[in-house]
N, C-alpha and C. Protein backbone atom coordinates (compact mmCIF):
# COMPACT_ATOMS: atom_id res chain seq x y z
N MET A 1 0.84 -1.12 -0.13
CA MET A 1 -0.19 -0.37 -0.03
C MET A 1 1.09 1.54 -0.19
N LYS A 2 0.26 2.18 -0.84
CA LYS A 2 1.27 3.87 -1.28
C LYS A 2 0.10 4.51 -0.82
N ILE A 3 0.60 5.42 -0.21
CA ILE A 3 -0.80 7.25 -0.34
C ILE A 3 0.06 7.95 -1.41
N LYS A 4 -0.17 8.89 -1.79
CA LYS A 4 0.01 9.76 -2.73
C LYS A 4 -0.69 11.36 -2.60
N HIS A 5 -0.42 12.04 -2.16
CA HIS A 5 -1.23 13.57 -2.06
C HIS A 5 -0.72 14.25 -3.37
N THR A 6 -1.32 15.14 -3.44
CA THR A 6 -1.18 16.64 -4.59
C THR A 6 -2.12 17.58 -3.83
N ARG A 7 -1.73 19.13 -4.68
CA ARG A 7 -2.56 20.07 -4.68
C ARG A 7 -2.48 20.13 -6.38
N ASP A 8 -1.70 19.52 -7.00
CA ASP A 8 -1.70 20.05 -8.38
C ASP A 8 -2.48 19.27 -9.31
N THR A 9 -3.08 20.16 -10.04
CA THR A 9 -4.77 19.65 -10.80
C THR A 9 -4.40 18.79 -12.27
N LEU A 10 -2.94 18.99 -12.51
CA LEU A 10 -2.71 18.87 -13.60
C LEU A 10 -1.57 17.27 -13.38
N SER A 11 -2.13 17.16 -12.23
CA SER A 11 -0.69 15.58 -12.11
C SER A 11 -1.20 14.25 -12.20
N ASP A 12 -0.58 13.72 -12.12
CA ASP A 12 -0.97 12.03 -12.05
C ASP A 12 -2.17 11.67 -11.06
N VAL A 13 -2.18 11.76 -9.65
CA VAL A 13 -2.37 11.65 -8.55
C VAL A 13 -3.72 12.17 -8.62
N TYR A 14 -3.83 13.74 -9.19
CA TYR A 14 -4.76 13.72 -9.38
C TYR A 14 -5.79 13.40 -10.35
N VAL A 15 -5.74 12.72 -11.20
CA VAL A 15 -5.97 12.31 -12.38
C VAL A 15 -6.80 11.41 -11.65
N GLN A 16 -5.85 10.31 -11.27
CA GLN A 16 -6.51 8.73 -10.48
C GLN A 16 -7.30 9.36 -9.45
N SER A 17 -7.35 10.75 -8.90
CA SER A 17 -8.97 10.61 -7.83
C SER A 17 -9.93 10.79 -8.70
N LEU A 18 -9.68 12.23 -9.32
CA LEU A 18 -11.02 12.18 -9.97
C LEU A 18 -11.22 10.90 -10.99
N LYS A 19 -10.71 9.71 -11.21
CA LYS A 19 -11.08 8.62 -12.04
C LYS A 19 -11.99 8.12 -11.37
N ILE A 20 -11.74 7.77 -10.04
CA ILE A 20 -12.39 6.90 -8.57
C ILE A 20 -13.33 7.73 -8.25
N ARG A 21 -13.71 8.99 -8.39
CA ARG A 21 -14.74 9.83 -7.72
C ARG A 21 -15.78 9.60 -8.71
N ASN A 22 -15.47 9.84 -10.24
CA ASN A 22 -16.01 9.56 -11.44
C ASN A 22 -16.73 8.52 -11.43
N THR A 23 -16.25 7.57 -10.93
CA THR A 23 -16.92 5.80 -10.66
C THR A 23 -17.56 5.45 -10.31
N VAL A 24 -17.33 6.32 -8.61
CA VAL A 24 -18.22 5.96 -7.28
C VAL A 24 -19.39 7.21 -7.30
N PHE A 25 -19.12 8.46 -7.50
CA PHE A 25 -20.25 9.57 -7.38
C PHE A 25 -21.08 9.67 -8.77
N VAL A 26 -20.43 9.46 -9.68
CA VAL A 26 -20.77 10.13 -10.66
C VAL A 26 -22.05 8.85 -11.52
N LYS A 27 -21.13 7.82 -11.73
CA LYS A 27 -21.83 6.66 -12.31
C LYS A 27 -22.37 5.98 -11.20
N GLU A 28 -22.37 5.85 -10.27
CA GLU A 28 -22.88 5.12 -9.51
C GLU A 28 -23.54 5.29 -8.23
N GLN A 29 -23.39 6.51 -7.80
CA GLN A 29 -24.55 7.63 -7.05
C GLN A 29 -25.41 8.60 -7.92
N GLN A 30 -25.33 8.90 -8.99
CA GLN A 30 -26.11 9.21 -9.84
C GLN A 30 -25.48 10.73 -9.67
N VAL A 31 -24.66 11.44 -8.88
CA VAL A 31 -23.76 12.87 -8.73
C VAL A 31 -23.89 13.71 -9.86
N PRO A 32 -24.73 14.41 -10.27
CA PRO A 32 -23.62 15.33 -11.60
C PRO A 32 -22.77 15.51 -11.61
N LEU A 33 -22.01 15.71 -12.30
CA LEU A 33 -20.64 15.50 -12.71
C LEU A 33 -20.32 17.24 -12.24
N SER A 34 -21.36 17.81 -12.22
CA SER A 34 -21.12 19.47 -12.10
C SER A 34 -20.74 19.80 -11.06
N LEU A 35 -21.85 18.96 -10.62
CA LEU A 35 -22.06 18.98 -8.68
C LEU A 35 -20.48 18.36 -8.01
N GLU A 36 -19.54 17.64 -8.88
CA GLU A 36 -18.64 16.82 -8.39
C GLU A 36 -17.22 17.65 -8.57
N ILE A 37 -17.63 17.74 -9.57
CA ILE A 37 -16.41 18.52 -9.60
C ILE A 37 -16.00 19.79 -9.50
N ASP A 38 -15.96 20.42 -8.35
CA ASP A 38 -16.07 22.26 -7.97
C ASP A 38 -14.83 22.77 -8.39
N LYS A 39 -15.48 24.49 -7.74
CA LYS A 39 -14.75 25.13 -7.52
C LYS A 39 -13.50 25.79 -6.55
N ASP A 40 -13.50 24.19 -5.41
CA ASP A 40 -12.79 23.97 -4.47
C ASP A 40 -11.12 22.68 -5.26
N GLU A 41 -11.97 22.40 -5.93
CA GLU A 41 -10.46 21.72 -6.70
C GLU A 41 -9.53 22.02 -6.73
N ALA A 42 -8.78 23.12 -6.96
CA ALA A 42 -6.94 24.00 -6.73
C ALA A 42 -6.86 24.22 -5.63
N TYR A 43 -7.68 24.55 -4.80
CA TYR A 43 -6.98 24.52 -3.03
C TYR A 43 -7.29 23.17 -2.02
N ALA A 44 -8.28 23.00 -2.86
CA ALA A 44 -7.85 21.15 -1.76
C ALA A 44 -6.67 20.76 -1.77
N VAL A 45 -6.21 19.21 -1.24
CA VAL A 45 -5.61 18.33 -1.26
C VAL A 45 -5.72 17.05 -0.89
N HIS A 46 -5.39 16.53 -2.92
CA HIS A 46 -6.02 15.50 -2.93
C HIS A 46 -5.28 13.91 -2.50
N PHE A 47 -5.77 13.33 -2.20
CA PHE A 47 -5.19 11.57 -1.58
C PHE A 47 -5.68 10.34 -2.54
N VAL A 48 -4.61 9.76 -3.13
CA VAL A 48 -4.96 8.40 -3.37
C VAL A 48 -4.16 7.32 -2.23
N LEU A 49 -4.74 6.25 -2.36
CA LEU A 49 -4.27 5.05 -1.84
C LEU A 49 -4.32 4.03 -3.09
N LEU A 50 -3.20 3.71 -3.37
CA LEU A 50 -2.15 2.71 -4.29
C LEU A 50 -2.06 1.80 -3.64
N LEU A 51 -2.28 0.04 -4.60
CA LEU A 51 -2.03 -0.77 -4.16
C LEU A 51 -1.03 -1.26 -3.42
N ASP A 52 0.05 -0.65 -4.32
CA ASP A 52 1.86 -1.24 -3.78
C ASP A 52 2.94 -0.33 -5.08
N ASP A 53 3.81 -0.56 -4.68
CA ASP A 53 4.77 0.58 -5.50
C ASP A 53 4.71 -0.32 -6.90
N GLN A 54 4.35 -2.05 -7.13
CA GLN A 54 4.47 -3.01 -8.54
C GLN A 54 3.41 -2.57 -9.14
N ASP A 55 2.44 -2.54 -8.17
CA ASP A 55 0.97 -2.38 -8.65
C ASP A 55 0.37 -1.16 -8.38
N GLU A 56 0.43 -0.46 -8.86
CA GLU A 56 -0.16 1.37 -9.22
C GLU A 56 -1.19 1.46 -9.39
N THR A 57 -2.66 0.63 -9.12
CA THR A 57 -3.59 0.67 -9.22
C THR A 57 -4.10 1.58 -8.12
N ALA A 58 -4.75 2.48 -8.48
CA ALA A 58 -5.76 4.01 -7.33
C ALA A 58 -6.63 3.12 -6.93
N VAL A 59 -6.81 2.98 -5.78
CA VAL A 59 -8.16 2.10 -5.12
C VAL A 59 -9.04 3.04 -4.14
N SER A 60 -8.84 3.93 -3.77
CA SER A 60 -9.23 4.69 -2.77
C SER A 60 -8.90 6.44 -2.65
N THR A 61 -9.62 7.21 -2.28
CA THR A 61 -9.32 8.82 -2.75
C THR A 61 -10.09 9.83 -1.67
N LEU A 62 -9.85 11.29 -1.19
CA LEU A 62 -10.27 11.87 -0.80
C LEU A 62 -9.63 13.38 -0.97
N ARG A 63 -10.53 14.20 -0.75
CA ARG A 63 -9.55 15.44 -0.94
C ARG A 63 -9.20 16.31 1.37
N ILE A 64 -9.20 17.17 0.78
CA ILE A 64 -9.00 18.08 2.05
C ILE A 64 -9.12 19.16 2.03
N LEU A 65 -9.69 20.30 2.37
CA LEU A 65 -10.24 21.15 2.31
C LEU A 65 -9.79 22.23 3.33
N PRO A 66 -8.41 22.60 3.27
CA PRO A 66 -8.65 23.55 4.71
C PRO A 66 -9.10 25.00 4.95
N SER A 67 -8.65 25.21 6.55
CA SER A 67 -9.85 26.87 6.76
C SER A 67 -8.90 27.69 6.38
N ALA A 68 -9.18 28.66 5.82
CA ALA A 68 -8.29 29.85 6.01
C ALA A 68 -7.79 30.02 6.89
N ASN A 69 -7.51 29.62 8.32
CA ASN A 69 -7.28 30.14 9.00
C ASN A 69 -5.65 28.50 9.62
N GLY A 70 -6.55 27.85 8.74
CA GLY A 70 -5.48 26.66 9.45
C GLY A 70 -5.73 25.91 10.08
N GLU A 71 -6.68 26.08 11.04
CA GLU A 71 -7.31 25.15 12.08
C GLU A 71 -7.90 24.14 11.77
N GLN A 72 -8.56 24.36 10.72
CA GLN A 72 -10.02 22.83 10.68
C GLN A 72 -9.59 22.86 9.26
N ALA A 73 -10.42 21.66 8.90
CA ALA A 73 -9.86 20.97 7.93
C ALA A 73 -11.13 20.41 7.63
N LEU A 74 -11.61 20.18 5.95
CA LEU A 74 -12.63 19.60 5.88
C LEU A 74 -12.22 17.88 4.74
N ILE A 75 -13.07 17.02 5.13
CA ILE A 75 -12.75 16.15 4.53
C ILE A 75 -13.55 16.02 3.71
N GLN A 76 -13.53 15.58 2.19
CA GLN A 76 -14.57 15.07 1.25
C GLN A 76 -14.55 14.00 0.24
N ARG A 77 -15.33 13.88 -0.58
CA ARG A 77 -15.32 13.07 -1.39
C ARG A 77 -14.05 11.69 -1.55
N VAL A 78 -14.84 11.21 0.12
CA VAL A 78 -14.06 9.86 0.51
C VAL A 78 -14.33 8.80 -0.35
N ALA A 79 -13.85 8.21 -1.35
CA ALA A 79 -14.60 7.13 -2.31
C ALA A 79 -13.63 5.75 -2.53
N THR A 80 -14.22 4.93 -2.72
CA THR A 80 -13.05 3.18 -2.95
C THR A 80 -13.95 2.71 -3.82
N LEU A 81 -13.23 2.38 -4.71
CA LEU A 81 -13.76 1.73 -5.99
C LEU A 81 -13.73 0.45 -5.11
N LYS A 82 -15.59 0.00 -5.94
CA LYS A 82 -16.67 -0.54 -5.72
C LYS A 82 -15.89 -2.29 -5.01
N PRO A 83 -14.40 -2.73 -6.27
CA PRO A 83 -14.14 -4.21 -6.13
C PRO A 83 -13.21 -3.78 -4.58
N TYR A 84 -12.84 -3.01 -4.03
CA TYR A 84 -11.68 -3.24 -3.38
C TYR A 84 -12.71 -2.44 -1.42
N ARG A 85 -13.31 -2.63 -1.62
CA ARG A 85 -14.36 -1.87 -1.17
C ARG A 85 -14.37 -3.02 0.77
N GLY A 86 -14.36 -2.71 1.64
CA GLY A 86 -14.54 -3.77 2.60
C GLY A 86 -12.86 -4.60 2.99
N GLN A 87 -12.05 -3.81 2.72
CA GLN A 87 -10.71 -4.77 3.10
C GLN A 87 -9.68 -3.43 3.12
N GLY A 88 -10.84 -2.64 4.05
CA GLY A 88 -10.13 -1.65 5.30
C GLY A 88 -8.66 -0.69 4.27
N TYR A 89 -8.83 -0.54 3.24
CA TYR A 89 -8.71 0.44 2.46
C TYR A 89 -9.06 2.21 2.99
N ALA A 90 -10.21 2.44 2.50
CA ALA A 90 -11.16 3.77 3.25
C ALA A 90 -9.90 4.06 4.71
N GLN A 91 -10.47 3.08 5.70
CA GLN A 91 -9.64 3.50 6.60
C GLN A 91 -8.16 4.31 6.84
N LYS A 92 -7.26 2.75 5.69
CA LYS A 92 -6.19 3.28 6.26
C LYS A 92 -6.00 4.63 5.63
N LEU A 93 -6.51 4.77 4.68
CA LEU A 93 -6.63 6.12 4.20
C LEU A 93 -7.17 7.71 4.80
N MET A 94 -7.80 7.34 5.46
CA MET A 94 -8.36 7.89 6.72
C MET A 94 -7.32 8.30 8.22
N VAL A 95 -7.00 7.03 8.20
CA VAL A 95 -5.89 7.58 8.96
C VAL A 95 -4.55 7.93 8.61
N HIS A 96 -4.00 7.41 7.40
CA HIS A 96 -3.12 8.93 7.00
C HIS A 96 -3.28 10.05 6.99
N VAL A 97 -4.85 10.56 6.40
CA VAL A 97 -4.89 11.92 6.31
C VAL A 97 -4.96 12.87 7.72
N LEU A 98 -5.82 11.74 9.18
CA LEU A 98 -5.84 12.54 10.12
C LEU A 98 -3.97 12.44 10.23
N ASP A 99 -3.43 11.76 10.28
CA ASP A 99 -2.19 12.29 10.89
C ASP A 99 -1.43 13.03 10.24
N PHE A 100 -1.78 12.83 8.80
CA PHE A 100 -1.42 14.63 8.47
C PHE A 100 -1.94 15.65 8.80
N LEU A 101 -2.46 15.48 8.46
CA LEU A 101 -3.47 16.90 9.38
C LEU A 101 -3.05 17.19 10.33
N GLN A 102 -3.02 16.69 11.65
CA GLN A 102 -2.54 16.22 13.16
C GLN A 102 -0.70 16.71 13.22
N SER A 103 -0.17 16.50 12.13
CA SER A 103 1.28 16.96 11.64
C SER A 103 1.10 18.25 11.19
N GLN A 104 0.17 18.44 10.56
CA GLN A 104 0.33 20.09 9.83
C GLN A 104 -0.56 21.63 11.14
N HIS A 105 -0.62 20.27 12.31
CA HIS A 105 -1.55 21.48 12.97
C HIS A 105 -2.78 21.92 13.38
N PHE A 106 -3.36 21.19 12.69
CA PHE A 106 -4.82 21.59 12.74
C PHE A 106 -5.64 21.02 13.52
N LYS A 107 -6.29 21.85 13.78
CA LYS A 107 -7.48 20.99 15.62
C LYS A 107 -8.49 20.31 15.50
N ILE A 108 -9.35 20.72 14.69
CA ILE A 108 -10.66 20.26 14.28
C ILE A 108 -11.04 20.05 12.62
N VAL A 109 -11.12 18.66 12.44
CA VAL A 109 -11.67 17.97 11.20
C VAL A 109 -13.15 18.23 11.32
N GLU A 110 -13.88 18.19 9.91
CA GLU A 110 -15.51 17.55 9.83
C GLU A 110 -15.16 17.40 8.02
N LEU A 111 -16.08 16.75 8.42
CA LEU A 111 -16.79 16.14 7.53
C LEU A 111 -17.83 16.02 7.68
N HIS A 112 -18.83 15.56 5.69
CA HIS A 112 -20.57 15.42 4.96
C HIS A 112 -20.50 13.99 5.25
N ALA A 113 -20.91 13.01 5.98
CA ALA A 113 -20.96 11.89 5.80
C ALA A 113 -22.33 10.87 5.01
N GLN A 114 -22.14 10.76 4.21
CA GLN A 114 -23.37 10.40 3.92
C GLN A 114 -23.85 9.02 4.57
N ILE A 115 -25.62 9.03 4.78
CA ILE A 115 -26.05 8.47 6.21
C ILE A 115 -25.18 6.42 6.60
N GLN A 116 -24.96 6.35 5.57
CA GLN A 116 -24.74 4.89 5.53
C GLN A 116 -23.05 4.08 6.17
N ALA A 117 -22.67 5.91 6.42
CA ALA A 117 -21.14 5.82 6.23
C ALA A 117 -21.17 5.78 7.33
N ILE A 118 -21.72 6.22 8.65
CA ILE A 118 -21.84 7.21 10.05
C ILE A 118 -20.95 6.07 10.98
N PRO A 119 -21.43 4.90 10.40
CA PRO A 119 -20.79 3.80 11.47
C PRO A 119 -19.22 3.85 11.55
N PHE A 120 -18.80 4.15 10.05
CA PHE A 120 -17.04 3.81 9.71
C PHE A 120 -16.71 5.35 9.78
N TYR A 121 -16.76 6.23 10.02
CA TYR A 121 -16.61 7.36 10.58
C TYR A 121 -16.64 7.73 12.78
N GLU A 122 -17.46 7.11 12.83
CA GLU A 122 -17.76 7.28 14.16
C GLU A 122 -16.73 5.85 15.16
N LYS A 123 -15.89 4.92 13.70
CA LYS A 123 -14.66 4.00 14.53
C LYS A 123 -13.80 4.75 14.58
N LEU A 124 -13.75 5.82 13.79
CA LEU A 124 -12.42 6.55 13.52
C LEU A 124 -12.65 7.90 14.48
N GLY A 125 -13.62 7.79 15.22
CA GLY A 125 -13.67 9.36 16.10
C GLY A 125 -14.73 10.07 15.77
N PHE A 126 -15.06 9.79 14.87
CA PHE A 126 -15.82 11.37 14.50
C PHE A 126 -16.91 11.62 15.03
N GLU A 127 -17.78 12.86 15.63
CA GLU A 127 -18.94 12.52 16.04
C GLU A 127 -20.43 13.37 15.17
N SER A 128 -21.33 13.13 15.35
CA SER A 128 -22.17 13.36 14.42
C SER A 128 -23.12 15.08 14.68
N PHE A 129 -23.17 16.11 14.18
CA PHE A 129 -23.83 17.00 15.31
C PHE A 129 -24.62 17.37 13.91
N GLY A 130 -25.62 18.16 14.72
CA GLY A 130 -26.63 19.11 13.58
C GLY A 130 -28.03 18.00 12.97
N ASP A 131 -28.41 18.69 12.07
CA ASP A 131 -29.30 17.68 11.13
C ASP A 131 -28.91 17.57 10.28
N ILE A 132 -30.03 16.22 9.34
CA ILE A 132 -29.95 15.76 8.34
C ILE A 132 -29.74 16.47 7.06
N PHE A 133 -29.43 16.59 5.90
CA PHE A 133 -29.28 17.08 5.45
C PHE A 133 -29.28 16.97 3.45
N LEU A 134 -29.66 17.09 2.63
CA LEU A 134 -29.30 16.40 1.11
C LEU A 134 -27.89 17.65 1.02
N ASP A 135 -27.25 16.39 0.31
CA ASP A 135 -26.08 17.31 -0.31
C ASP A 135 -26.18 16.02 -2.30
N ALA A 136 -26.61 16.91 -2.60
CA ALA A 136 -26.71 16.19 -4.41
C ALA A 136 -27.95 15.24 -4.59
N GLY A 137 -28.66 14.97 -3.37
CA GLY A 137 -29.30 14.65 -2.99
C GLY A 137 -29.62 13.09 -2.57
N ILE A 138 -28.39 13.26 -1.87
CA ILE A 138 -28.11 11.68 -1.13
C ILE A 138 -27.81 12.42 0.66
N GLN A 139 -29.00 11.74 1.66
CA GLN A 139 -28.73 12.31 3.10
C GLN A 139 -27.45 11.89 3.56
N HIS A 140 -26.67 13.24 4.17
CA HIS A 140 -25.82 13.22 4.69
C HIS A 140 -26.11 13.79 6.45
N VAL A 141 -25.03 13.72 6.89
CA VAL A 141 -24.85 14.56 8.20
C VAL A 141 -23.83 15.00 8.75
N ALA A 142 -23.04 15.73 9.08
CA ALA A 142 -22.00 16.75 9.43
C ALA A 142 -21.38 16.05 10.59
N MET A 143 -20.32 15.53 10.63
CA MET A 143 -19.19 15.34 11.94
C MET A 143 -18.06 15.70 11.55
N LYS A 144 -17.65 16.03 13.17
CA LYS A 144 -16.37 16.11 13.34
C LYS A 144 -15.33 15.30 14.69
N LYS A 145 -13.87 15.80 14.42
CA LYS A 145 -13.16 15.07 15.59
C LYS A 145 -11.74 16.19 15.36
N ILE A 146 -11.83 16.10 16.94
CA ILE A 146 -10.32 17.04 17.41
C ILE A 146 -9.60 16.00 17.06
N VAL A 147 -8.09 16.88 16.32
CA VAL A 147 -7.33 16.09 16.25
C VAL A 147 -6.10 16.62 16.89
């Protein structure tokens, strides 16, 4: 397993991330492409998890959007390709990113979890807050964690 990240929207890492997001969100969940690719792409840090050094297949991705004050970050676009789900890849990616955020001195991490993913994020120490809301027609709840 290998994890790479970038802010460069012209990089291979970003392209790999977009391929996963397109497959999971646009094709599987029917999220309009105009909502999936947004104005924050260039401001986010994009992460991909690759199987290993020999097999550089990208299987899981997410992006973080840092706040202007550098104390909060929003984790977004967490996705794993269907054949690789349930094997711990998203968890490994999330742990890596939480460690990264802590090393960068972020204090609070938030995310908007799809309802079925709440238990996954709770296992990582996130807590729900606020009401359920719709994002791209899918029910979500806000969650946060102190790092």
